[in-house]
Amino acid sequence: MITRVVLALTLVSGPLTAAPVPLEARACPVAMPEGTRCGFLVVPERRDAPGTTIRVGYAVHRSDAPSGDPVVYMSGGPGSASIQLTGYLAALFPDRDVVTVEQRGSRFSKPTLGCPETVAAMLDRLRAPGADVARGARDCRRRHQEAGVDLRGYTTKEIAADVVDLRKALGFEKWNLFGVSYSTRVMVDAAAADPGGTAAVVLDSFLPQDVSWYGDADRNLDDTVAALGIDEDFEVMTGRLNDDPALVPTTDPLTGRAFTARLTGDDVATVLAEGLHDTSVIAAAPALVGALAQGHDELLRPLADQTGPGLASHEFGLYHAVQCQDEATFPDRSRLFTVNVDRAVCAEWRLPASKPTKASTKAPVLVLAGQYDPTTPPRTARPAAERLPHARFVEFAGVGHAVFLSDRCGARTIAAFMADPEGWKQPCDPSVRGLPPVRPGDLHVTGAPYQAMTAPWLAAPPALFVLASLAQLVTGAIRGRALTAFAGLTGLAFTGLAADAVWGLTKVNETALAVGVPRVLELYGWIAAGSAVLTVAALARARTIPNSLAATVAAGFLVWWWSWFL
């Protein structure tokens, strides 16, 4: 017992009291800023049936000059990790100690409730229809049961109790609770259970307890698509691909092997429902969906490539345990395969439904919502905020999910609130959209830039063209061959203009390159053609090996440019 207390003393900042719950030191599982210590909180797996204990991961970052109560943060999911955001949060709150706490069963807790069996089943579903998700669910549950895991202990109520126990164990008199998406439910429960220990609460992308996660899923996506003004193109796209699914090459995140995904329109809708969490995807969505409606299936490759890592980013054993108990009702039908997979898993796991806590808090609360959030929209977040006694609600234009990660004004707003919850004033204008929308017609649609980023050898022709143009300019100037020098200068002018246009798009919205390139590149291509004409003219005047090589490179580049890149 003395050893545990000594270890606890190394992990905290601020006044301490006797720790009612054991703490264990550990090496931090990811790179951390200086002044950070990591540990485990040891708690019962089920507080209603104590006996088995589990370990909940956490990290404590000490501020050099703390001036207020600490901030404790938990990621969403369920099943997302938190500790890796310690450095970002320490920079956001430089005058506060920052605690990041994992959900029980997440990646940096023990046990870790992964479920590769259901992930594999979802990926199999993208390979061919009729994948046996139920079998994957049975295999996953059996494996955890054989390891002694009681899935009934993994609920929002238990996770919230972990947060309360961690404050007491670390000895903080009060702290500020910060949740995003799913963990907003956790933080409201924790605030209700621990009113004396709660200074203030931030709920980013608020998921109220009385909102049906699955019942609202289709409507939330439809509302977001309509708000973006792309509903007609969206229906054309999904209808076309439901009739004739696209075959898209991608990579299995579990094995690292290439495979071909079969994407229906409803599959693409599901992927987009996740993709539209990202503000940069929201900005590019009008151009993306418009191009897909016209049959540009080459643009499905980046969407498919993001699907696998997205599935592997959660610990799905924990995710399903929470969802199957806290979200026990499902719609009869959904176009989203994630909803249908969760229904199949929950039917196999047969976990008891949790009782709603109807939690609330009298602490100052800040609720943030993204205008286009397809999961926790303002439509449900705003009225829920109004039901909290001391809550303020702010909606951010052009933003999707997890405002603090995707919008600079959102991050500043949270920092200002934490500095003075009672006298808080909005530090920036949330109605100013950070990224302008990319409309159909703004880009020349092509999947070539994305393919070149994933396979750099595909960019060999322009690299050779640049080298040949530079050689022409230098040798032509040295030897007094004006035609050769002008050919090289023209080629380099094209390269500079094209690079500037692409770089300009990248600075505004790099994601837009997955849809296409600035239309001005169509015009700039004629400058490259002019360079090729001058090169051929120089070859006709002097049939040298360098001129022959330059002409060959120029011709090859033009073929690459017009037939593949554009």
Protein backbone atom coordinates (compact mmCIF):
# COMPACT_ATOMS: atom_id res chain seq x y z
CA MET A 1 0.00 0.00 0.00
CA ILE A 2 2.86 2.38 0.83
CA THR A 3 4.40 1.69 -2.59
CA ARG A 4 1.18 2.59 -4.35
CA VAL A 5 0.88 5.88 -2.49
CA VAL A 6 4.48 6.78 -3.34
CA LEU A 7 3.84 6.01 -7.00
CA ALA A 8 0.71 8.14 -6.93
CA LEU A 9 2.72 11.10 -5.62
CA THR A 10 4.89 11.05 -8.75
CA LEU A 11 1.89 11.37 -11.07
CA VAL A 12 0.11 14.42 -9.74
CA SER A 13 0.35 18.16 -9.47
CA GLY A 14 -1.63 20.13 -6.97
CA PRO A 15 -2.77 19.31 -3.43
CA LEU A 16 -3.19 15.65 -2.56
CA THR A 17 -5.47 13.73 -0.28
CA ALA A 18 -5.34 10.04 0.58
CA ALA A 19 -6.04 8.06 -2.57
CA PRO A 20 -9.21 5.95 -2.16
CA VAL A 21 -8.50 4.12 -5.43
CA PRO A 22 -5.08 2.61 -6.31
CA LEU A 23 -2.88 4.18 -8.95
CA GLU A 24 -0.11 2.38 -10.79
CA ALA A 25 2.74 4.07 -12.65
CA ARG A 26 3.47 3.08 -16.23
CA ALA A 27 5.63 4.18 -19.12
CA CYS A 28 3.70 6.47 -21.45
CA PRO A 29 2.54 4.41 -24.45
CA VAL A 30 3.06 7.27 -26.95
CA ALA A 31 5.38 10.27 -27.22
CA MET A 32 4.46 12.91 -24.65
CA PRO A 33 5.46 16.50 -23.92
CA GLU A 34 7.98 17.08 -21.16
CA GLY A 35 6.42 17.10 -17.73
CA THR A 36 3.95 14.28 -18.42
CA ARG A 37 3.51 11.14 -16.37
CA CYS A 38 1.29 8.19 -17.21
CA GLY A 39 -0.43 5.60 -15.10
CA PHE A 40 -3.32 3.22 -14.53
CA LEU A 41 -6.33 3.72 -12.32
CA VAL A 42 -7.28 0.33 -10.81
CA VAL A 43 -11.07 -0.02 -10.51
CA PRO A 44 -13.70 -2.77 -10.29
CA GLU A 45 -14.81 -4.12 -13.65
CA ARG A 46 -18.35 -3.96 -12.26
CA ARG A 47 -19.08 -1.75 -9.29
CA ASP A 48 -22.36 -3.63 -8.69
CA ALA A 49 -20.45 -6.93 -8.46
CA PRO A 50 -16.94 -6.14 -7.18
CA GLY A 51 -14.22 -8.70 -7.42
CA THR A 52 -12.43 -8.44 -10.75
CA THR A 53 -10.39 -5.28 -11.27
CA ILE A 54 -9.30 -3.59 -14.48
CA ARG A 55 -6.86 -0.79 -15.33
CA VAL A 56 -7.89 2.53 -16.86
CA GLY A 57 -5.09 4.42 -18.59
CA TYR A 58 -4.44 8.11 -18.02
CA ALA A 59 -1.77 10.81 -18.36
CA VAL A 60 -1.10 13.92 -16.28
CA HIS A 61 0.74 16.88 -17.83
CA ARG A 62 2.00 19.49 -15.40
CA SER A 63 1.81 23.13 -16.43
CA ASP A 64 4.89 25.25 -15.68
CA ALA A 65 2.62 27.94 -14.20
CA PRO A 66 -0.82 26.55 -13.34
CA SER A 67 -3.35 29.28 -12.62
CA GLY A 68 -6.60 27.38 -12.24
CA ASP A 69 -8.29 24.03 -11.90
CA PRO A 70 -7.00 21.20 -14.14
CA VAL A 71 -8.72 20.10 -17.34
CA VAL A 72 -9.58 16.42 -17.79
CA TYR A 73 -10.27 15.23 -21.34
CA MET A 74 -11.71 12.05 -22.81
CA SER A 75 -12.12 11.20 -26.51
CA GLY A 76 -15.33 9.88 -28.08
CA GLY A 77 -16.11 6.74 -29.99
CA PRO A 78 -16.98 4.78 -27.90
CA GLY A 79 -13.58 3.16 -28.12
CA SER A 80 -11.35 6.06 -29.21
CA ALA A 81 -8.02 6.68 -27.47
CA SER A 82 -7.33 9.93 -25.57
CA ILE A 83 -3.74 9.96 -24.33
CA GLN A 84 -2.24 10.81 -27.73
CA LEU A 85 -3.89 14.26 -27.55
CA THR A 86 -2.09 15.29 -24.37
CA GLY A 87 0.41 17.52 -26.17
CA TYR A 88 -2.29 19.29 -28.19
CA LEU A 89 -4.34 19.93 -25.06
CA ALA A 90 -1.31 21.10 -23.08
CA ALA A 91 -0.74 23.73 -25.79
CA LEU A 92 -4.43 24.70 -25.74
CA PHE A 93 -4.39 25.12 -21.94
CA PRO A 94 -0.82 26.22 -21.13
CA ASP A 95 -1.82 27.58 -17.70
CA ARG A 96 -3.59 24.40 -16.57
CA ASP A 97 -2.58 20.92 -15.61
CA VAL A 98 -4.07 18.58 -18.22
CA VAL A 99 -5.31 15.06 -17.56
CA THR A 100 -6.24 12.73 -20.41
CA VAL A 101 -8.19 9.68 -19.36
CA GLU A 102 -8.91 6.59 -21.40
CA GLN A 103 -12.18 4.74 -21.51
CA ARG A 104 -12.05 1.38 -19.79
CA GLY A 105 -11.35 -1.23 -22.45
CA SER A 106 -9.75 1.26 -24.86
CA ARG A 107 -6.35 0.97 -26.52
CA PHE A 108 -4.33 2.31 -23.59
CA SER A 109 -6.30 0.56 -20.86
CA LYS A 110 -6.13 -3.07 -19.69
CA PRO A 111 -7.80 -5.18 -20.86
CA THR A 112 -8.04 -3.73 -24.35
CA LEU A 113 -11.32 -4.78 -25.92
CA GLY A 114 -10.44 -4.94 -29.57
CA CYS A 115 -12.65 -6.85 -31.96
CA PRO A 116 -10.77 -7.60 -35.19
CA GLU A 117 -13.34 -10.30 -35.93
CA THR A 118 -16.12 -7.77 -36.55
CA VAL A 119 -13.74 -5.39 -38.35
CA ALA A 120 -12.80 -8.24 -40.67
CA ALA A 121 -16.49 -9.00 -41.21
CA MET A 122 -17.16 -5.38 -42.18
CA LEU A 123 -14.25 -5.44 -44.61
CA ASP A 124 -15.51 -8.77 -46.00
CA ARG A 125 -18.85 -7.08 -46.57
CA LEU A 126 -17.04 -4.59 -48.81
CA ARG A 127 -15.46 -7.45 -50.72
CA ALA A 128 -18.75 -9.19 -51.41
CA PRO A 129 -22.33 -9.04 -50.09
CA GLY A 130 -23.48 -11.48 -47.47
CA ALA A 131 -20.50 -11.40 -45.10
CA ASP A 132 -21.21 -13.22 -41.83
CA VAL A 133 -21.06 -10.39 -39.28
CA ALA A 134 -22.88 -12.52 -36.71
CA ARG A 135 -20.11 -15.10 -36.78
CA GLY A 136 -17.48 -12.42 -36.22
CA ALA A 137 -19.53 -11.09 -33.29
CA ARG A 138 -19.76 -14.56 -31.73
CA ASP A 139 -16.03 -15.16 -32.14
CA CYS A 140 -15.17 -11.80 -30.60
CA ARG A 141 -17.44 -12.26 -27.60
CA ARG A 142 -16.23 -15.81 -27.02
CA ARG A 143 -12.60 -14.68 -27.03
CA HIS A 144 -13.26 -11.95 -24.45
CA GLN A 145 -15.33 -14.30 -22.27
CA GLU A 146 -12.54 -16.87 -22.32
CA ALA A 147 -10.16 -14.13 -21.18
CA GLY A 148 -12.45 -13.44 -18.21
CA VAL A 149 -13.93 -10.17 -19.46
CA ASP A 150 -17.44 -9.32 -18.25
CA LEU A 151 -18.84 -7.11 -21.01
CA ARG A 152 -21.61 -5.91 -18.69
CA GLY A 153 -19.01 -3.74 -16.96
CA TYR A 154 -18.41 -1.56 -20.02
CA THR A 155 -21.09 1.11 -19.98
CA THR A 156 -21.25 4.88 -19.90
CA LYS A 157 -22.20 4.81 -16.22
CA GLU A 158 -19.09 2.82 -15.31
CA ILE A 159 -16.83 4.97 -17.49
CA ALA A 160 -18.19 8.11 -15.82
CA ALA A 161 -17.53 6.57 -12.40
CA ASP A 162 -13.92 6.02 -13.50
CA VAL A 163 -13.59 9.76 -14.17
CA VAL A 164 -14.89 10.60 -10.70
CA ASP A 165 -12.60 8.04 -9.06
CA LEU A 166 -9.59 9.38 -10.94
CA ARG A 167 -10.14 12.91 -9.60
CA LYS A 168 -10.28 11.59 -6.08
CA ALA A 169 -7.25 9.35 -6.56
CA LEU A 170 -5.16 12.18 -8.01
CA GLY A 171 -6.23 14.44 -5.18
CA PHE A 172 -7.62 17.34 -7.20
CA GLU A 173 -10.24 19.29 -5.28
CA LYS A 174 -11.98 20.32 -8.52
CA TRP A 175 -11.38 20.06 -12.21
CA ASN A 176 -12.93 21.01 -15.55
CA LEU A 177 -14.52 18.24 -17.60
CA PHE A 178 -13.98 18.19 -21.37
CA GLY A 179 -15.77 15.65 -23.56
CA VAL A 180 -16.26 15.30 -27.29
CA SER A 181 -18.94 13.32 -29.13
CA TYR A 182 -19.71 10.11 -27.20
CA SER A 183 -17.70 11.22 -24.15
CA THR A 184 -19.99 14.24 -23.69
CA ARG A 185 -22.42 11.72 -22.23
CA VAL A 186 -19.69 10.48 -19.93
CA MET A 187 -18.82 13.99 -18.75
CA VAL A 188 -22.43 14.97 -18.04
CA ASP A 189 -22.80 11.79 -15.98
CA ALA A 190 -19.52 12.50 -14.18
CA ALA A 191 -20.57 16.09 -13.42
CA ALA A 192 -23.90 14.88 -12.04
CA ALA A 193 -22.24 12.23 -9.88
CA ASP A 194 -19.50 14.58 -8.64
CA PRO A 195 -20.96 18.11 -8.36
CA GLY A 196 -18.49 19.20 -5.69
CA GLY A 197 -15.54 18.20 -7.87
CA THR A 198 -16.76 19.81 -11.09
CA ALA A 199 -15.73 23.40 -11.83
CA ALA A 200 -17.01 23.66 -15.42
CA VAL A 201 -17.88 21.42 -18.37
CA VAL A 202 -17.15 21.63 -22.11
CA LEU A 203 -19.31 19.47 -24.38
CA ASP A 204 -17.97 19.50 -27.93
CA SER A 205 -20.34 17.83 -30.44
CA PHE A 206 -22.84 17.05 -27.70
CA LEU A 207 -24.62 13.68 -27.82
CA PRO A 208 -27.57 14.02 -25.41
CA GLN A 209 -28.62 10.90 -23.58
CA ASP A 210 -32.20 11.13 -24.83
CA VAL A 211 -31.14 11.17 -28.50
CA SER A 212 -31.25 7.88 -30.38
CA TRP A 213 -27.83 7.31 -31.92
CA TYR A 214 -29.11 4.80 -34.45
CA GLY A 215 -32.61 6.15 -34.90
CA ASP A 216 -31.24 9.54 -35.97
CA ALA A 217 -28.32 8.31 -38.08
CA ASP A 218 -30.01 8.34 -41.51
CA ARG A 219 -31.81 11.61 -40.87
CA ASN A 220 -28.63 13.31 -39.66
CA LEU A 221 -26.83 12.40 -42.88
CA ASP A 222 -29.78 13.46 -45.04
CA ASP A 223 -30.00 16.79 -43.19
CA THR A 224 -26.29 17.47 -43.64
CA VAL A 225 -26.40 16.64 -47.34
CA ALA A 226 -29.41 18.92 -47.78
CA ALA A 227 -27.78 21.74 -45.83
CA LEU A 228 -24.73 21.49 -48.10
CA GLY A 229 -27.02 21.79 -51.12
CA ILE A 230 -25.83 18.50 -52.63
CA ASP A 231 -28.90 16.34 -51.99
CA GLU A 232 -29.82 15.94 -55.65
CA ASP A 233 -26.31 14.90 -56.69
CA PHE A 234 -26.13 12.67 -53.61
CA GLU A 235 -29.25 10.75 -54.60
CA VAL A 236 -28.05 10.42 -58.20
CA MET A 237 -24.69 9.09 -56.95
CA THR A 238 -26.16 6.57 -54.52
CA GLY A 239 -28.80 5.41 -56.97
CA ARG A 240 -26.23 4.88 -59.74
CA LEU A 241 -23.85 2.93 -57.50
CA ASN A 242 -26.63 0.86 -55.93
CA ASP A 243 -27.57 -0.25 -59.43
CA ASP A 244 -23.97 -0.79 -60.51
CA PRO A 245 -21.49 -1.02 -57.61
CA ALA A 246 -17.95 0.23 -58.21
CA LEU A 247 -14.88 -1.97 -57.83
CA VAL A 248 -12.23 0.05 -56.00
CA PRO A 249 -8.66 -1.06 -55.16
CA THR A 250 -7.68 -0.44 -51.54
CA THR A 251 -5.74 -2.01 -48.64
CA ASP A 252 -6.86 -4.22 -45.76
CA PRO A 253 -5.73 -2.45 -42.53
CA LEU A 254 -5.61 -5.75 -40.63
CA THR A 255 -3.32 -7.59 -43.05
CA GLY A 256 -1.75 -4.80 -45.11
CA ARG A 257 -2.74 -6.65 -48.28
CA ALA A 258 -4.36 -5.08 -51.30
CA PHE A 259 -7.93 -6.05 -52.12
CA THR A 260 -10.77 -4.80 -54.28
CA ALA A 261 -13.71 -3.27 -52.45
CA ARG A 262 -17.18 -3.48 -53.94
CA LEU A 263 -18.88 -0.19 -53.07
CA THR A 264 -22.61 0.32 -53.48
CA GLY A 265 -24.24 3.72 -53.21
CA ASP A 266 -25.27 2.99 -49.63
CA ASP A 267 -21.69 1.98 -48.82
CA VAL A 268 -20.44 5.32 -50.16
CA ALA A 269 -23.15 7.11 -48.17
CA THR A 270 -21.87 5.38 -45.02
CA VAL A 271 -18.28 6.32 -45.74
CA LEU A 272 -19.30 9.91 -46.43
CA ALA A 273 -21.24 10.03 -43.17
CA GLU A 274 -17.91 9.48 -41.43
CA GLY A 275 -15.89 11.62 -43.83
CA LEU A 276 -18.16 14.62 -43.30
CA HIS A 277 -16.90 14.82 -39.72
CA ASP A 278 -13.85 16.54 -41.26
CA THR A 279 -14.21 20.22 -42.13
CA SER A 280 -11.94 19.90 -45.17
CA VAL A 281 -14.13 17.09 -46.55
CA ILE A 282 -17.22 19.23 -45.94
CA ALA A 283 -15.69 22.04 -48.00
CA ALA A 284 -14.82 19.66 -50.85
CA ALA A 285 -18.11 17.72 -50.69
CA PRO A 286 -20.03 19.72 -53.33
CA ALA A 287 -17.33 19.07 -55.93
CA LEU A 288 -16.78 15.47 -54.81
CA VAL A 289 -20.41 14.39 -54.80
CA GLY A 290 -21.10 16.29 -58.01
CA ALA A 291 -18.26 14.45 -59.75
CA LEU A 292 -19.36 11.06 -58.39
CA ALA A 293 -22.89 11.74 -59.62
CA GLN A 294 -21.39 12.16 -63.10
CA GLY A 295 -19.60 8.80 -62.90
CA HIS A 296 -16.08 9.74 -61.80
CA ASP A 297 -15.59 6.55 -59.81
CA GLU A 298 -11.81 7.10 -59.69
CA LEU A 299 -12.56 9.48 -56.81
CA LEU A 300 -13.76 6.56 -54.69
CA ARG A 301 -10.17 5.40 -54.10
CA PRO A 302 -9.36 7.95 -51.36
CA LEU A 303 -12.71 7.24 -49.69
CA ALA A 304 -12.05 3.50 -49.71
CA ASP A 305 -8.50 4.02 -48.43
CA GLN A 306 -9.83 5.92 -45.42
CA THR A 307 -12.47 3.33 -44.59
CA GLY A 308 -10.07 0.65 -43.38
CA PRO A 309 -8.00 2.85 -41.05
CA GLY A 310 -11.24 4.31 -39.72
CA LEU A 311 -12.48 0.85 -38.83
CA ALA A 312 -9.15 0.03 -37.17
CA SER A 313 -9.05 3.26 -35.12
CA HIS A 314 -11.63 2.12 -32.54
CA GLU A 315 -11.53 -0.75 -30.09
CA PHE A 316 -14.70 -2.32 -31.37
CA GLY A 317 -15.16 -4.73 -28.48
CA LEU A 318 -15.57 -1.73 -26.20
CA TYR A 319 -17.61 0.11 -28.81
CA HIS A 320 -20.09 -2.72 -29.17
CA ALA A 321 -20.28 -3.37 -25.41
CA VAL A 322 -21.27 0.26 -24.75
CA GLN A 323 -23.58 0.56 -27.75
CA CYS A 324 -25.38 -2.71 -27.18
CA GLN A 325 -26.21 -1.71 -23.59
CA ASP A 326 -26.67 2.06 -23.81
CA GLU A 327 -28.17 2.18 -27.33
CA ALA A 328 -30.36 -0.88 -27.32
CA THR A 329 -32.90 0.19 -29.99
CA PHE A 330 -32.38 0.12 -33.74
CA PRO A 331 -34.45 1.27 -36.72
CA ASP A 332 -36.05 -1.42 -38.85
CA ARG A 333 -33.96 -0.37 -41.83
CA SER A 334 -30.94 1.84 -42.48
CA ARG A 335 -28.95 2.63 -45.61
CA LEU A 336 -25.81 2.82 -43.42
CA PHE A 337 -23.93 -0.45 -43.13
CA THR A 338 -22.49 0.61 -39.76
CA VAL A 339 -25.98 0.71 -38.27
CA ASN A 340 -26.83 -2.68 -39.75
CA VAL A 341 -23.57 -4.23 -38.52
CA ASP A 342 -24.14 -2.92 -35.00
CA ARG A 343 -27.66 -4.35 -35.02
CA ALA A 344 -26.29 -7.77 -35.98
CA VAL A 345 -23.57 -7.65 -33.31
CA CYS A 346 -25.98 -6.62 -30.56
CA ALA A 347 -28.40 -9.37 -31.57
CA GLU A 348 -25.59 -11.88 -31.00
CA TRP A 349 -24.18 -10.37 -27.80
CA ARG A 350 -27.57 -10.05 -26.06
CA LEU A 351 -26.33 -7.69 -23.38
CA PRO A 352 -28.82 -6.15 -20.94
CA ALA A 353 -30.03 -2.64 -21.73
CA SER A 354 -28.76 0.08 -19.40
CA LYS A 355 -31.11 2.31 -17.46
CA PRO A 356 -30.94 5.98 -18.52
CA THR A 357 -29.42 8.18 -15.81
CA LYS A 358 -31.17 11.41 -16.88
CA ALA A 359 -28.06 13.23 -15.67
CA SER A 360 -27.71 16.99 -15.50
CA THR A 361 -25.36 19.51 -13.90
CA LYS A 362 -25.58 22.97 -12.39
CA ALA A 363 -21.96 23.74 -13.26
CA PRO A 364 -21.23 26.26 -16.05
CA VAL A 365 -21.37 24.41 -19.36
CA LEU A 366 -20.21 25.32 -22.87
CA VAL A 367 -21.77 23.33 -25.71
CA LEU A 368 -20.16 23.54 -29.18
CA ALA A 369 -21.69 22.28 -32.42
CA GLY A 370 -20.56 22.18 -36.03
CA GLN A 371 -23.03 23.47 -38.60
CA TYR A 372 -22.69 20.37 -40.80
CA ASP A 373 -22.06 17.72 -38.15
CA PRO A 374 -23.65 14.48 -39.48
CA THR A 375 -23.52 12.69 -36.12
CA THR A 376 -24.30 15.20 -33.35
CA PRO A 377 -26.03 18.00 -35.24
CA PRO A 378 -27.09 21.38 -33.83
CA ARG A 379 -30.68 20.21 -34.27
CA THR A 380 -30.33 17.95 -31.23
CA ALA A 381 -27.43 19.63 -29.41
CA ARG A 382 -29.03 23.06 -29.08
CA PRO A 383 -32.26 22.01 -27.27
CA ALA A 384 -30.26 19.68 -25.03
CA ALA A 385 -28.01 22.59 -24.07
CA GLU A 386 -31.05 24.70 -23.27
CA ARG A 387 -32.16 22.05 -20.78
CA LEU A 388 -28.95 22.41 -18.77
CA PRO A 389 -29.33 25.15 -16.12
CA HIS A 390 -26.11 27.10 -16.84
CA ALA A 391 -25.18 26.18 -20.42
CA ARG A 392 -24.16 28.37 -23.34
CA PHE A 393 -24.44 27.08 -26.91
CA VAL A 394 -22.26 28.10 -29.88
CA GLU A 395 -22.61 26.86 -33.47
CA PHE A 396 -19.61 27.12 -35.82
CA ALA A 397 -20.17 27.75 -39.53
CA GLY A 398 -18.77 25.29 -42.04
CA VAL A 399 -17.60 22.88 -39.35
CA GLY A 400 -18.33 19.19 -38.89
CA HIS A 401 -17.62 16.98 -35.88
CA ALA A 402 -15.16 17.59 -33.00
CA VAL A 403 -15.01 21.37 -33.31
CA PHE A 404 -11.89 21.83 -31.18
CA LEU A 405 -9.80 19.73 -33.59
CA SER A 406 -11.05 21.25 -36.84
CA ASP A 407 -11.74 24.93 -36.19
CA ARG A 408 -9.35 27.52 -34.79
CA CYS A 409 -12.17 29.69 -33.48
CA GLY A 410 -13.64 26.65 -31.73
CA ALA A 411 -10.36 25.95 -29.92
CA ARG A 412 -10.05 29.61 -28.89
CA THR A 413 -13.63 29.59 -27.64
CA ILE A 414 -12.97 26.60 -25.38
CA ALA A 415 -9.77 28.12 -24.01
CA ALA A 416 -11.57 31.40 -23.24
CA PHE A 417 -14.38 29.56 -21.47
CA MET A 418 -12.00 27.52 -19.35
CA ALA A 419 -10.20 30.73 -18.35
CA ASP A 420 -13.41 32.31 -17.02
CA PRO A 421 -16.55 30.12 -17.14
CA GLU A 422 -18.75 32.63 -15.34
CA GLY A 423 -17.67 35.77 -17.21
CA TRP A 424 -16.89 34.08 -20.53
CA LYS A 425 -17.14 36.14 -23.71
CA GLN A 426 -16.90 34.82 -27.25
CA PRO A 427 -13.33 35.59 -28.45
CA CYS A 428 -13.97 35.17 -32.20
CA ASP A 429 -16.80 35.08 -34.72
CA PRO A 430 -18.19 31.54 -35.07
CA SER A 431 -20.24 32.57 -38.12
CA VAL A 432 -17.09 33.04 -40.23
CA ARG A 433 -16.44 29.91 -42.24
CA GLY A 434 -12.83 28.78 -42.13
CA LEU A 435 -12.74 26.92 -45.45
CA PRO A 436 -14.62 28.09 -48.56
CA PRO A 437 -16.72 25.46 -50.34
CA VAL A 438 -15.35 23.87 -53.50
CA ARG A 439 -18.17 23.80 -56.03
CA PRO A 440 -18.65 21.62 -59.12
CA GLY A 441 -16.77 23.36 -61.91
CA ASP A 442 -14.13 24.86 -59.61
CA LEU A 443 -11.79 21.95 -60.34
CA HIS A 444 -10.75 19.81 -63.25
CA VAL A 445 -11.88 16.44 -61.90
CA THR A 446 -9.13 13.82 -61.84
CA GLY A 447 -7.95 11.10 -59.49
CA ALA A 448 -4.36 11.42 -60.71
CA PRO A 449 -2.98 13.62 -57.88
CA TYR A 450 -4.15 11.17 -55.24
CA GLN A 451 -2.75 8.21 -57.17
CA ALA A 452 0.57 10.03 -57.54
CA MET A 453 0.66 10.68 -53.77
CA THR A 454 0.13 6.99 -53.03
CA ALA A 455 2.55 5.81 -55.77
CA PRO A 456 5.26 8.50 -56.25
CA TRP A 457 6.75 6.75 -59.30
CA LEU A 458 3.70 7.95 -61.23
CA ALA A 459 5.14 11.48 -60.94
CA ALA A 460 8.30 10.52 -62.86
CA PRO A 461 7.28 12.18 -66.19
CA PRO A 462 6.95 15.72 -64.75
CA ALA A 463 10.18 15.27 -62.78
CA LEU A 464 12.01 14.31 -65.97
CA PHE A 465 10.38 17.21 -67.81
CA VAL A 466 11.64 19.69 -65.20
CA LEU A 467 15.18 18.28 -65.36
CA ALA A 468 15.16 18.34 -69.16
CA SER A 469 13.88 21.93 -69.22
CA LEU A 470 16.55 23.05 -66.76
CA ALA A 471 19.25 21.34 -68.81
CA GLN A 472 17.95 23.00 -71.97
CA LEU A 473 17.99 26.44 -70.36
CA VAL A 474 21.52 26.05 -69.02
CA THR A 475 23.10 24.45 -72.09
CA GLY A 476 21.26 26.74 -74.48
CA ALA A 477 22.43 29.84 -72.60
CA ILE A 478 26.03 28.62 -72.34
CA ARG A 479 26.32 27.58 -75.99
CA GLY A 480 24.30 30.45 -77.43
CA ARG A 481 21.45 28.26 -78.70
CA ALA A 482 18.50 30.58 -78.23
CA LEU A 483 15.87 28.09 -79.41
CA THR A 484 17.02 25.47 -76.91
CA ALA A 485 17.21 28.03 -74.11
CA PHE A 486 13.70 29.35 -74.84
CA ALA A 487 12.36 25.77 -74.91
CA GLY A 488 13.82 25.19 -71.44
CA LEU A 489 12.62 28.56 -70.13
CA THR A 490 9.09 27.86 -71.39
CA GLY A 491 9.10 24.43 -69.75
CA LEU A 492 10.22 25.90 -66.44
CA ALA A 493 7.61 28.66 -66.70
CA PHE A 494 4.93 26.00 -67.08
CA THR A 495 6.33 24.11 -64.10
CA GLY A 496 6.36 27.20 -61.90
CA LEU A 497 2.84 28.26 -62.81
CA ALA A 498 1.41 24.76 -62.39
CA ALA A 499 3.18 24.23 -59.07
CA ASP A 500 1.96 27.61 -57.80
CA ALA A 501 -1.65 26.77 -58.71
CA VAL A 502 -1.51 23.37 -57.01
CA TRP A 503 0.24 24.78 -53.94
CA GLY A 504 -2.38 27.50 -53.70
CA LEU A 505 -5.15 24.87 -53.62
CA THR A 506 -3.21 22.81 -51.08
CA LYS A 507 -2.85 25.78 -48.73
CA VAL A 508 -6.60 26.38 -48.83
CA ASN A 509 -7.82 22.77 -48.71
CA GLU A 510 -5.48 19.86 -49.33
CA THR A 511 -8.41 17.43 -49.40
CA ALA A 512 -9.66 19.08 -52.60
CA LEU A 513 -6.70 17.50 -54.43
CA ALA A 514 -8.45 14.16 -53.97
CA VAL A 515 -11.18 15.55 -56.25
CA GLY A 516 -9.13 17.37 -58.85
CA VAL A 517 -6.78 20.22 -59.71
CA PRO A 518 -7.33 23.93 -60.46
CA ARG A 519 -8.92 24.39 -63.86
CA VAL A 520 -6.22 26.83 -64.86
CA LEU A 521 -3.92 23.82 -65.34
CA GLU A 522 -5.84 23.04 -68.52
CA LEU A 523 -4.58 26.37 -69.90
CA TYR A 524 -1.10 25.95 -68.53
CA GLY A 525 -0.81 22.66 -70.40
CA TRP A 526 -0.54 24.63 -73.62
CA ILE A 527 2.58 26.33 -72.28
CA ALA A 528 4.11 22.88 -71.86
CA ALA A 529 3.02 22.11 -75.42
CA GLY A 530 4.77 25.31 -76.57
CA SER A 531 7.95 24.14 -74.86
CA ALA A 532 7.67 20.83 -76.69
CA VAL A 533 7.24 22.61 -80.06
CA LEU A 534 10.36 24.70 -79.41
CA THR A 535 12.24 21.55 -78.42
CA VAL A 536 11.27 19.81 -81.68
CA ALA A 537 12.32 22.92 -83.61
CA ALA A 538 15.69 22.87 -81.86
CA LEU A 539 16.02 19.19 -82.74
CA ALA A 540 15.24 19.91 -86.38
CA ARG A 541 18.00 22.55 -86.41
CA ALA A 542 20.58 20.42 -84.59
CA ARG A 543 20.08 16.66 -84.42
CA THR A 544 22.07 16.08 -81.25
CA ILE A 545 21.62 13.44 -78.60
CA PRO A 546 20.64 16.02 -75.91
CA ASN A 547 18.01 17.53 -78.22
CA SER A 548 16.67 14.06 -79.06
CA LEU A 549 16.41 13.18 -75.36
CA ALA A 550 14.70 16.49 -74.58
CA ALA A 551 12.18 15.97 -77.38
CA THR A 552 11.47 12.41 -76.19
CA VAL A 553 10.94 13.60 -72.61
CA ALA A 554 8.68 16.46 -73.75
CA ALA A 555 6.57 14.15 -75.92
CA GLY A 556 6.26 11.61 -73.12
CA PHE A 557 5.29 14.30 -70.66
CA LEU A 558 2.53 15.64 -72.91
CA VAL A 559 1.09 12.16 -73.31
CA TRP A 560 1.20 11.76 -69.51
CA TRP A 561 -0.36 15.20 -68.98
CA TRP A 562 -3.25 15.02 -71.42
CA SER A 563 -4.08 11.32 -71.35
CA TRP A 564 -3.51 10.48 -67.65
CA PHE A 565 -3.14 13.49 -65.38
CA LEU A 566 -5.92 15.55 -66.92
